[in-house]
């Protein structure tokens, strides 16, 4: 006999699937005399098979597009079947796959075996379907994360017969979740360790819709440290409950952020806390605002102290008797622009400060061209080594000023020059030198012996004194006047009488006898007067 299937189209146009079986009928001597033909309408079965094939195709497409691998484990025969995608997920070779439970077990990361098998046992026991994540170690050593889901098919008595499930590569998801956890942990560490204070609030509006207060939803440890308000006191409470004297300006500013959603940045002083704060506020969601703030009180105080110090310094500079000029280099230090002059410095030119400020020093102060000052400015700016130099300015042939200049480089690259007016000192010195020359002339030409002593020791003597005693000038220098007396008693008496008169009258005169070089005594009148009456 033989059988086959064919499609028969009926007169009404409907196609029917028929199964045909033909069997011969044999007569005597085995000769076919007739036959039986059996027709069976298998349209319903064929439609079921086509629907099943379509369903399997759709399932295959769905699993392929979703990256799902399908597996089936025959628990009675111990046979494990994987589709092609399963091998792609695990990185295994279908040709060498043994199709046993142990093959799967060998593919699982050793550290995850216990957890995965425990989940399988839970499923087999009927407690729940299999749903587990584990790692697999591919043949090339790469580690991938696998999500597995499966259910158990049982017999009438509830005994497990087979297990069917799907696996898919969830590495990207697992790594993304780990990255998210790490990011959250990093944010948590940042939140708890950041130096700036942080607080999240919800704004409270009055009946007219105006901000009237705000409630604390979250704060970080820095908030507690900076404000002195603990987390237990702050969370769930409002600003005016905690700090009832707070200025409304704070609430109005933050309320605008929470309502309009626009971030702001500002600095403000809190009278109740007694601190200056630098604040950045933004709106994370409608009706809320978050702020990050720093205590800048010390910076504000330091800035104010610096400003006051600069003002005091400016006043000191302006009122110094010494001239002070601050200059900035131009042309690589070949010239300098005058940034500021105090009145004493402008005095050397006979003008006020303004005509010189902002101008190059070489063209603004030409009277210093031949004094060496300009070269000193350049040298000090380049080397950083401070220098002093005398400066003499002239008006025609006559000296106008004697100045001592001190030049140094400042930290910002500027150069400062301090000028001391030595004009009066020089003129006084010239007068002293002239008088000393006159005294020297008198000292040398006087017909009487003259000696200059300090603490009764000779500093110098004139020629007449040397002739009187019969000694050279060098024999007196540095020697005590005792050398002129025959005895200590006379030396002491003369001292008492002479200094007693000096203290009383300003001068002293005593008669005594001096000892000459060869032992002869001479009578003298010793008159003495101090060069400095206060000494």
Protein backbone atom coordinates (compact mmCIF):
# COMPACT_ATOMS: atom_id res chain seq x y z
CA UNK A 1 0.00 0.00 0.00
CA UNK A 2 0.95 3.62 -0.32
CA UNK A 3 -0.31 6.90 1.13
CA UNK A 4 0.01 10.60 0.43
CA UNK A 5 -1.63 13.92 1.10
CA UNK A 6 -3.07 16.23 -1.49
CA UNK A 7 -5.13 19.39 -1.70
CA UNK A 8 -8.56 19.07 -3.28
CA UNK A 9 -10.50 22.13 -4.34
CA UNK A 10 -14.25 21.68 -3.98
CA UNK A 11 -16.80 23.14 -6.44
CA UNK A 12 -17.54 25.93 -3.94
CA UNK A 13 -13.86 26.93 -4.15
CA UNK A 14 -12.84 25.72 -0.66
CA UNK A 15 -9.56 23.83 -0.42
CA UNK A 16 -9.55 20.64 1.64
CA UNK A 17 -6.57 18.52 2.70
CA UNK A 18 -7.03 14.80 2.03
CA UNK A 19 -5.03 11.84 3.15
CA UNK A 20 -5.20 9.01 0.59
CA UNK A 21 -4.20 5.43 1.22
CA UNK A 22 -4.25 2.88 -1.65
CA UNK A 23 -4.08 -0.88 -0.91
CA UNK A 24 -4.13 -3.67 -3.59
CA UNK A 25 -6.39 -6.75 -3.43
CA UNK A 26 -4.67 -9.98 -4.53
CA UNK A 27 -6.37 -12.98 -6.13
CA UNK A 28 -5.15 -16.44 -6.65
CA UNK A 29 -1.52 -16.87 -7.41
CA UNK A 30 -0.89 -13.41 -6.02
CA UNK A 31 -2.27 -11.46 -8.85
CA UNK A 32 -3.76 -8.01 -8.06
CA UNK A 33 -7.37 -8.18 -8.91
CA UNK A 34 -8.62 -4.95 -7.33
CA UNK A 35 -7.75 -2.29 -4.81
CA UNK A 36 -9.02 -0.25 -1.86
CA UNK A 37 -8.72 3.51 -1.75
CA UNK A 38 -9.27 5.27 1.61
CA UNK A 39 -9.83 9.05 1.72
CA UNK A 40 -9.48 10.94 5.01
CA UNK A 41 -10.19 14.67 5.39
CA UNK A 42 -7.18 15.98 7.38
CA UNK A 43 -7.88 19.70 6.82
CA UNK A 44 -8.24 20.44 10.55
CA UNK A 45 -5.02 18.62 11.42
CA UNK A 46 -3.14 20.35 8.62
CA UNK A 47 -4.39 23.76 9.79
CA UNK A 48 -3.29 22.93 13.32
CA UNK A 49 0.16 21.92 12.06
CA UNK A 50 0.47 25.10 10.00
CA UNK A 51 -0.62 27.24 12.94
CA UNK A 52 1.88 25.46 15.16
CA UNK A 53 4.66 26.01 12.61
CA UNK A 54 3.72 29.69 12.32
CA UNK A 55 3.64 29.97 16.10
CA UNK A 56 7.05 28.33 16.38
CA UNK A 57 8.39 30.68 13.70
CA UNK A 58 7.00 33.69 15.52
CA UNK A 59 8.46 32.39 18.79
CA UNK A 60 11.80 31.89 17.08
CA UNK A 61 11.74 35.42 15.69
CA UNK A 62 10.70 36.83 19.07
CA UNK A 63 13.40 35.00 20.99
CA UNK A 64 16.03 35.90 18.41
CA UNK A 65 15.10 39.58 18.44
CA UNK A 66 15.01 39.59 22.26
CA UNK A 67 18.29 37.72 22.43
CA UNK A 68 16.63 34.83 24.31
CA UNK A 69 18.08 31.39 24.31
CA UNK A 70 15.63 28.48 24.84
CA UNK A 71 16.53 25.32 26.66
CA UNK A 72 14.72 22.13 27.64
CA UNK A 73 15.79 19.64 30.29
CA UNK A 74 14.30 16.13 30.31
CA UNK A 75 14.50 15.29 34.00
CA UNK A 76 13.73 11.61 33.39
CA UNK A 77 16.30 11.02 30.64
CA UNK A 78 18.76 13.67 31.90
CA UNK A 79 18.91 15.18 28.40
CA UNK A 80 19.55 18.93 28.09
CA UNK A 81 18.68 20.61 24.78
CA UNK A 82 19.89 24.10 23.82
CA UNK A 83 18.90 26.13 20.80
CA UNK A 84 21.46 28.05 18.74
CA UNK A 85 21.00 31.25 20.73
CA UNK A 86 21.82 29.45 23.99
CA UNK A 87 25.20 28.53 22.59
CA UNK A 88 25.74 32.16 21.55
CA UNK A 89 24.84 33.34 25.06
CA UNK A 90 27.22 30.92 26.76
CA UNK A 91 29.89 31.05 24.07
CA UNK A 92 29.88 27.26 23.63
CA UNK A 93 30.36 25.06 20.54
CA UNK A 94 27.21 23.14 19.57
CA UNK A 95 29.32 20.32 18.08
CA UNK A 96 31.12 19.63 21.36
CA UNK A 97 28.07 20.20 23.62
CA UNK A 98 27.24 16.97 25.48
CA UNK A 99 23.61 17.85 26.20
CA UNK A 100 23.77 17.08 29.92
CA UNK A 101 23.10 19.02 33.12
CA UNK A 102 26.83 18.82 33.88
CA UNK A 103 27.60 20.73 30.66
CA UNK A 104 25.52 23.63 31.96
CA UNK A 105 27.11 23.36 35.39
CA UNK A 106 30.61 23.58 33.91
CA UNK A 107 29.67 26.81 32.13
CA UNK A 108 28.57 28.60 35.33
CA UNK A 109 31.05 30.70 37.32
CA UNK A 110 32.26 28.62 40.31
CA UNK A 111 31.28 31.35 42.77
CA UNK A 112 27.68 31.35 41.49
CA UNK A 113 27.01 27.58 41.30
CA UNK A 114 25.58 27.27 44.82
CA UNK A 115 23.08 30.13 44.39
CA UNK A 116 21.97 28.97 40.92
CA UNK A 117 21.45 25.34 41.98
CA UNK A 118 19.56 26.45 45.10
CA UNK A 119 17.16 28.40 42.85
CA UNK A 120 16.71 25.30 40.62
CA UNK A 121 15.85 23.15 43.67
CA UNK A 122 13.29 25.73 44.80
CA UNK A 123 11.68 25.50 41.37
CA UNK A 124 11.69 21.70 41.30
CA UNK A 125 10.13 21.64 44.77
CA UNK A 126 7.26 23.72 43.37
CA UNK A 127 7.85 26.69 45.61
CA UNK A 128 8.33 29.15 42.75
CA UNK A 129 9.45 29.39 39.15
CA UNK A 130 13.13 29.65 38.43
CA UNK A 131 14.37 33.24 38.28
CA UNK A 132 18.06 33.74 38.91
CA UNK A 133 21.08 35.71 37.69
CA UNK A 134 24.50 34.11 37.50
CA UNK A 135 27.80 34.53 35.71
CA UNK A 136 29.24 32.33 33.02
CA UNK A 137 32.90 31.94 32.11
CA UNK A 138 33.30 31.61 28.37
CA UNK A 139 35.99 29.49 26.75
CA UNK A 140 37.99 32.66 25.98
CA UNK A 141 37.92 33.64 29.68
CA UNK A 142 35.36 36.43 29.28
CA UNK A 143 32.84 36.65 32.13
CA UNK A 144 29.22 37.45 31.19
CA UNK A 145 26.10 37.85 33.33
CA UNK A 146 23.10 35.60 32.51
CA UNK A 147 19.47 36.00 33.53
CA UNK A 148 17.54 32.68 33.64
CA UNK A 149 13.80 32.00 33.84
CA UNK A 150 12.15 28.58 33.73
CA UNK A 151 9.17 26.52 34.80
CA UNK A 152 8.64 22.80 35.49
CA UNK A 153 6.22 20.45 33.70
CA UNK A 154 4.85 17.70 35.96
CA UNK A 155 2.89 14.44 35.65
CA UNK A 156 -0.53 13.76 37.13
CA UNK A 157 1.05 13.08 40.52
CA UNK A 158 3.01 16.31 40.52
CA UNK A 159 6.35 14.72 39.83
CA UNK A 160 8.66 16.92 37.73
CA UNK A 161 9.15 15.58 34.21
CA UNK A 162 10.77 18.41 32.29
CA UNK A 163 12.01 21.94 32.80
CA UNK A 164 11.79 24.53 30.06
CA UNK A 165 13.25 27.99 30.24
CA UNK A 166 14.99 30.90 28.63
CA UNK A 167 18.37 32.55 29.22
CA UNK A 168 19.57 35.94 28.03
CA UNK A 169 22.77 37.92 28.32
CA UNK A 170 22.13 40.63 30.96
CA UNK A 171 25.72 41.85 31.22
CA UNK A 172 24.89 45.36 30.01
CA UNK A 173 22.03 45.65 32.50
CA UNK A 174 24.07 44.27 35.42
CA UNK A 175 26.99 46.57 34.66
CA UNK A 176 24.62 49.53 34.25
CA UNK A 177 23.00 48.72 37.60
CA UNK A 178 26.43 48.42 39.21
CA UNK A 179 27.44 51.73 37.69
CA UNK A 180 24.24 53.26 39.03
CA UNK A 181 24.91 51.81 42.49
CA UNK A 182 28.48 53.11 42.36
CA UNK A 183 27.21 56.50 41.26
CA UNK A 184 24.68 56.57 44.07
CA UNK A 185 27.36 55.54 46.56
CA UNK A 186 29.69 58.20 45.20
CA UNK A 187 26.91 60.75 45.51
CA UNK A 188 26.21 59.57 49.06
CA UNK A 189 29.89 59.94 49.99
CA UNK A 190 30.00 63.34 48.33
CA UNK A 191 26.80 64.36 50.09
CA UNK A 192 28.11 63.33 53.51
CA UNK A 193 31.71 64.51 53.13
CA UNK A 194 31.36 67.70 51.07
CA UNK A 195 32.58 70.82 52.84
CA UNK A 196 29.70 72.92 51.57
CA UNK A 197 26.35 72.75 53.31
CA UNK A 198 23.40 71.28 51.40
CA UNK A 199 19.70 71.42 52.17
CA UNK A 200 16.51 70.45 50.31
CA UNK A 201 13.33 72.35 51.18
CA UNK A 202 9.71 72.76 50.22
CA UNK A 203 8.36 76.27 50.06
CA UNK A 204 5.31 77.23 52.17
CA UNK A 205 2.87 79.80 50.76
CA UNK A 206 0.33 81.94 52.61
CA UNK A 207 -3.31 82.36 51.61
CA UNK A 208 -2.33 84.90 48.96
CA UNK A 209 0.19 82.59 47.36
CA UNK A 210 3.22 84.45 48.71
CA UNK A 211 6.21 82.55 50.22
CA UNK A 212 6.02 82.80 54.00
CA UNK A 213 8.27 79.99 55.23
CA UNK A 214 9.96 76.78 54.09
CA UNK A 215 10.33 73.28 55.49
CA UNK A 216 13.57 71.25 55.66
CA UNK A 217 13.37 67.92 53.80
CA UNK A 218 17.05 66.88 53.78
CA UNK A 219 20.37 68.25 55.02
CA UNK A 220 23.97 67.00 54.95
CA UNK A 221 26.50 66.87 57.82
CA UNK A 222 28.17 70.08 56.62
CA UNK A 223 24.84 71.89 57.10
CA UNK A 224 24.84 70.77 60.75
CA UNK A 225 28.45 71.83 61.24
CA UNK A 226 28.06 75.25 59.62
CA UNK A 227 24.71 76.25 61.14
CA UNK A 228 24.85 74.37 64.43
CA UNK A 229 21.40 72.91 63.69
CA UNK A 230 21.21 69.12 63.99
CA UNK A 231 19.46 66.88 61.52
CA UNK A 232 17.01 65.75 64.20
CA UNK A 233 15.95 69.36 64.81
CA UNK A 234 15.81 70.36 61.14
CA UNK A 235 14.05 67.61 59.16
CA UNK A 236 10.30 68.25 58.98
CA UNK A 237 10.53 71.62 60.68
CA UNK A 238 10.33 75.08 59.16
CA UNK A 239 12.87 77.85 59.06
CA UNK A 240 10.89 80.18 61.31
CA UNK A 241 10.38 77.40 63.84
CA UNK A 242 14.16 76.96 64.07
CA UNK A 243 15.29 80.55 63.48
CA UNK A 244 12.32 82.85 64.16
CA UNK A 245 14.36 86.05 63.74
CA UNK A 246 15.47 85.21 60.20
CA UNK A 247 15.11 88.06 57.71
CA UNK A 248 12.18 87.61 55.28
CA UNK A 249 14.52 88.39 52.40
CA UNK A 250 15.85 84.82 52.63
CA UNK A 251 12.35 83.33 52.28
CA UNK A 252 11.42 85.67 49.42
CA UNK A 253 14.55 84.82 47.44
CA UNK A 254 14.19 81.07 47.85
CA UNK A 255 10.44 81.25 47.22
CA UNK A 256 11.08 82.83 43.85
CA UNK A 257 13.41 79.94 42.96
CA UNK A 258 10.85 77.30 44.01
CA UNK A 259 8.01 79.00 42.10
CA UNK A 260 9.76 80.26 38.96
CA UNK A 261 12.40 77.52 38.71
CA UNK A 262 15.29 79.90 37.98
CA UNK A 263 18.58 79.29 39.86
CA UNK A 264 20.26 82.14 41.77
CA UNK A 265 23.68 82.81 43.28
CA UNK A 266 24.25 85.41 45.99
CA UNK A 267 26.05 86.34 49.19
CA UNK A 268 24.17 87.51 52.27
CA UNK A 269 24.63 88.02 56.00
CA UNK A 270 22.42 86.17 58.47
CA UNK A 271 21.96 88.30 61.55
CA UNK A 272 20.57 85.46 63.64
CA UNK A 273 23.47 83.12 62.85
CA UNK A 274 25.97 85.98 62.71
CA UNK A 275 27.61 84.64 59.56
CA UNK A 276 28.09 85.54 55.91
CA UNK A 277 27.01 82.88 53.40
CA UNK A 278 27.69 82.30 49.72
CA UNK A 279 24.60 80.54 48.36
CA UNK A 280 23.59 78.78 45.15
CA UNK A 281 19.92 77.76 44.98
CA UNK A 282 18.05 75.82 42.29
CA UNK A 283 14.66 74.15 41.81
CA UNK A 284 14.80 70.29 41.59
CA UNK A 285 11.00 70.10 41.26
CA UNK A 286 8.07 72.45 41.43
CA UNK A 287 7.49 73.87 44.91
CA UNK A 288 10.94 72.82 46.15
CA UNK A 289 14.37 74.35 46.20
CA UNK A 290 17.82 73.05 47.08
CA UNK A 291 20.71 75.21 48.14
CA UNK A 292 24.43 74.69 48.42
CA UNK A 293 26.13 77.19 50.67
CA UNK A 294 29.47 78.03 52.23
CA UNK A 295 30.37 80.02 55.31
CA UNK A 296 32.41 82.92 53.89
CA UNK A 297 32.48 84.93 57.11
CA UNK A 298 36.24 84.69 57.49
CA UNK A 299 36.77 85.64 53.85
CA UNK A 300 34.50 88.68 54.24
CA UNK A 301 36.22 89.64 57.49
CA UNK A 302 39.65 89.14 55.93
CA UNK A 303 38.61 91.20 52.91
CA UNK A 304 37.35 93.97 55.15
CA UNK A 305 40.51 93.80 57.24
CA UNK A 306 42.60 93.92 54.07
CA UNK A 307 40.60 96.89 52.80
CA UNK A 308 41.08 98.68 56.13
CA UNK A 309 44.75 97.74 56.14
CA UNK A 310 45.15 99.07 52.60
CA UNK A 311 43.39 102.28 53.61
CA UNK A 312 45.67 102.68 56.64
CA UNK A 313 48.67 101.91 54.44
CA UNK A 314 47.45 104.46 51.90
CA UNK A 315 47.05 107.09 54.63
CA UNK A 316 50.51 106.30 56.00
CA UNK A 317 52.06 106.54 52.53
CA UNK A 318 50.24 109.79 51.80
CA UNK A 319 51.47 111.36 55.05
CA UNK A 320 55.01 110.03 55.08
CA UNK A 321 57.77 112.59 55.07
CA UNK A 322 59.62 110.24 52.75
CA UNK A 323 58.66 110.22 49.09
CA UNK A 324 57.17 106.97 47.80
CA UNK A 325 56.53 106.02 44.17
CA UNK A 326 55.08 102.80 42.71
CA UNK A 327 56.04 102.04 39.10
CA UNK A 328 55.15 99.37 36.52
CA UNK A 329 57.72 98.25 33.91
CA UNK A 330 57.25 98.84 30.20
CA UNK A 331 59.52 98.05 27.26
CA UNK A 332 61.01 95.09 29.16
CA UNK A 333 62.02 97.30 32.06
CA UNK A 334 63.73 99.98 30.00
CA UNK A 335 61.13 102.46 31.24
CA UNK A 336 58.45 102.56 33.94
CA UNK A 337 54.97 104.01 34.20
CA UNK A 338 54.25 105.91 37.40
CA UNK A 339 51.27 104.27 39.10
CA UNK A 340 51.17 106.49 42.18
CA UNK A 341 53.17 109.13 44.01
CA UNK A 342 52.66 110.43 47.49
CA UNK A 343 52.85 114.21 48.12
CA UNK A 344 56.39 113.99 49.48
CA UNK A 345 57.62 112.36 46.24
CA UNK A 346 55.86 114.97 44.09
CA UNK A 347 57.56 117.68 46.20
CA UNK A 348 60.88 116.92 44.53
CA UNK A 349 59.41 118.15 41.25
CA UNK A 350 57.45 121.02 42.73
CA UNK A 351 54.10 119.66 41.45
CA UNK A 352 51.25 117.61 42.90
CA UNK A 353 50.91 113.91 42.08
CA UNK A 354 48.42 114.04 39.23
CA UNK A 355 50.62 115.37 36.36
CA UNK A 356 52.95 112.38 36.76
CA UNK A 357 50.57 109.46 37.37
CA UNK A 358 50.15 107.20 34.35
CA UNK A 359 53.15 108.64 32.50
CA UNK A 360 56.58 107.13 31.75
CA UNK A 361 59.11 108.14 34.36
CA UNK A 362 61.82 109.11 31.84
CA UNK A 363 59.64 111.75 30.17
CA UNK A 364 57.76 112.80 33.32
CA UNK A 365 60.81 113.28 35.57
CA UNK A 366 63.69 114.30 33.28
CA UNK A 367 65.59 115.91 36.20
CA UNK A 368 66.55 112.40 37.32
CA UNK A 369 68.05 111.44 33.93
CA UNK A 370 71.70 111.89 34.96
CA UNK A 371 71.38 110.60 38.53
CA UNK A 372 71.61 106.85 37.84
CA UNK A 373 68.05 106.34 39.11
CA UNK A 374 66.61 105.05 35.84
CA UNK A 375 69.33 102.43 35.45
CA UNK A 376 68.81 101.35 39.07
CA UNK A 377 65.08 100.87 38.47
CA UNK A 378 65.80 98.59 35.49
CA UNK A 379 68.50 96.64 37.32
CA UNK A 380 66.38 96.05 40.44
CA UNK A 381 63.33 95.00 38.40
CA UNK A 382 65.37 92.42 36.48
CA UNK A 383 67.44 91.05 39.38
CA UNK A 384 64.99 91.39 42.26
CA UNK A 385 67.84 92.67 44.46
CA UNK A 386 67.07 95.92 46.30
CA UNK A 387 69.54 98.80 46.00
CA UNK A 388 70.26 102.15 47.63
CA UNK A 389 71.81 105.07 45.83
CA UNK A 390 72.39 108.77 46.44
CA UNK A 391 70.63 111.07 44.01
CA UNK A 392 71.52 114.70 43.43
CA UNK A 393 69.26 116.90 41.31
CA UNK A 394 70.38 120.27 40.03
CA UNK A 395 68.72 123.37 38.81
CA UNK A 396 71.32 124.82 36.53
CA UNK A 397 74.69 124.62 38.28
CA UNK A 398 73.12 124.74 41.72
CA UNK A 399 72.19 121.60 43.66
CA UNK A 400 68.43 121.45 44.07
CA UNK A 401 68.01 118.31 46.18
CA UNK A 402 70.18 115.71 47.86
CA UNK A 403 68.13 112.49 47.93
CA UNK A 404 68.80 108.97 49.18
CA UNK A 405 66.74 106.48 47.13
CA UNK A 406 65.84 102.91 48.10
CA UNK A 407 64.52 100.78 45.20
CA UNK A 408 62.97 97.32 45.53
CA UNK A 409 60.83 94.98 43.41
CA UNK A 410 57.38 94.06 44.72
CA UNK A 411 55.68 90.69 44.46
CA UNK A 412 53.33 91.75 41.65
CA UNK A 413 56.20 92.79 39.41
CA UNK A 414 56.00 96.48 40.25
CA UNK A 415 58.91 98.51 41.57
CA UNK A 416 58.75 100.75 44.63
CA UNK A 417 61.10 103.68 45.15
CA UNK A 418 61.42 105.42 48.51
CA UNK A 419 63.08 108.84 48.54
CA UNK A 420 64.57 110.41 51.65
CA UNK A 421 65.22 114.16 51.39
CA UNK A 422 68.76 114.64 52.69
CA UNK A 423 69.05 118.25 51.48
CA UNK A 424 68.96 119.87 54.95
CA UNK A 425 71.23 117.18 56.33
CA UNK A 426 73.77 117.76 53.55
CA UNK A 427 73.67 121.50 54.03
CA UNK A 428 74.02 121.12 57.76
CA UNK A 429 76.92 118.72 57.19
CA UNK A 430 78.57 121.21 54.88
CA UNK A 431 78.18 123.88 57.55
CA UNK A 432 79.66 121.58 60.19
CA UNK A 433 82.58 120.74 57.94
CA UNK A 434 83.19 124.45 57.32
CA UNK A 435 83.14 125.16 61.05
CA UNK A 436 85.39 122.20 61.72
CA UNK A 437 87.86 123.60 59.22
CA UNK A 438 87.73 126.92 61.06
CA UNK A 439 88.26 125.18 64.39
CA UNK A 440 91.11 123.17 62.95
CA UNK A 441 92.74 126.40 61.85
CA UNK A 442 92.27 127.88 65.32
CA UNK A 443 93.39 124.65 66.93
CA UNK A 444 96.59 124.62 64.90
CA UNK A 445 97.42 128.33 65.17
CA UNK A 446 96.52 128.99 68.83
CA UNK A 447 99.48 130.24 70.98
CA UNK A 448 98.38 128.03 73.89
CA UNK A 449 98.45 124.28 74.31
CA UNK A 450 95.12 122.61 73.44
CA UNK A 451 94.12 119.00 73.91
CA UNK A 452 90.91 117.11 73.11
CA UNK A 453 90.08 114.33 75.61
CA UNK A 454 87.33 111.79 76.09
CA UNK A 455 87.00 110.19 79.54
CA UNK A 456 90.33 111.93 80.40
CA UNK A 457 92.08 110.12 77.54
CA UNK A 458 93.77 112.12 74.76
CA UNK A 459 92.09 112.14 71.36
CA UNK A 460 94.44 114.73 69.86
CA UNK A 461 96.65 117.70 70.83
CA UNK A 462 97.94 120.76 68.94
CA UNK A 463 101.57 121.55 68.16
CA UNK A 464 101.84 124.13 70.98
CA UNK A 465 100.83 121.46 73.54
CA UNK A 466 103.51 119.11 72.19
CA UNK A 467 106.18 121.82 72.52
CA UNK A 468 104.99 122.66 76.03
CA UNK A 469 105.37 119.07 77.27
CA UNK A 470 108.26 118.11 75.03
CA UNK A 471 106.62 115.07 73.43
CA UNK A 472 105.41 114.04 69.96
CA UNK A 473 101.66 114.01 69.22
CA UNK A 474 101.65 110.22 68.80
CA UNK A 475 102.82 109.83 72.42
CA UNK A 476 99.60 111.38 73.69
CA UNK A 477 96.97 109.71 71.48
CA UNK A 478 94.96 107.16 73.52
CA UNK A 479 96.89 107.83 76.74
CA UNK A 480 95.34 108.88 80.07
CA UNK A 481 95.96 112.42 81.29
CA UNK A 482 97.57 110.89 84.40
CA UNK A 483 100.84 110.92 82.44
CA UNK A 484 101.04 114.72 83.02
CA UNK A 485 100.92 114.56 86.86
CA UNK A 486 103.62 113.75 89.36
CA UNK A 487 101.22 111.93 91.68
CA UNK A 488 97.82 110.29 91.79
CA UNK A 489 96.73 112.68 94.49
CA UNK A 490 97.28 115.73 92.25
CA UNK A 491 95.60 113.97 89.32
CA UNK A 492 92.52 113.23 91.45
CA UNK A 493 92.41 116.73 92.96
CA UNK A 494 92.51 118.42 89.59
CA UNK A 495 89.69 116.14 88.40
CA UNK A 496 87.49 116.92 91.40
CA UNK A 497 87.99 120.67 91.25
CA UNK A 498 87.68 120.94 87.48
CA UNK A 499 84.55 118.74 87.07
CA UNK A 500 82.93 120.38 90.09
CA UNK A 501 83.28 123.79 88.39
CA UNK A 502 82.06 122.40 85.08
CA UNK A 503 78.91 120.97 86.67
CA UNK A 504 78.28 124.28 88.42
CA UNK A 505 79.36 126.87 85.84
CA UNK A 506 79.82 124.96 82.56
CA UNK A 507 83.60 125.51 82.54
CA UNK A 508 86.45 124.72 84.92
CA UNK A 509 89.86 126.35 85.59
CA UNK A 510 92.52 124.87 87.90
CA UNK A 511 96.17 125.74 88.61
CA UNK A 512 98.47 122.72 88.66
CA UNK A 513 101.85 121.46 87.54
CA UNK A 514 102.53 119.25 84.47
CA UNK A 515 105.39 116.83 84.12
CA UNK A 516 107.54 117.41 81.01
CA UNK A 517 109.21 114.61 79.06
CA UNK A 518 112.59 114.91 80.88
CA UNK A 519 111.10 115.14 84.35
CA UNK A 520 110.99 118.94 84.77
CA UNK A 521 107.77 120.33 86.21
CA UNK A 522 106.06 123.39 84.74
CA UNK A 523 103.27 125.51 86.21
CA UNK A 524 100.08 125.66 84.13
CA UNK A 525 96.55 126.98 84.28
CA UNK A 526 94.24 124.18 83.05
CA UNK A 527 90.98 125.47 81.61
CA UNK A 528 88.38 122.92 80.43
CA UNK A 529 84.94 123.07 78.80
CA UNK A 530 82.79 120.20 77.44
CA UNK A 531 82.08 120.06 73.70
CA UNK A 532 78.62 118.62 74.50
CA UNK A 533 77.07 120.20 77.60
CA UNK A 534 74.72 117.23 78.00
CA UNK A 535 77.66 114.81 78.18
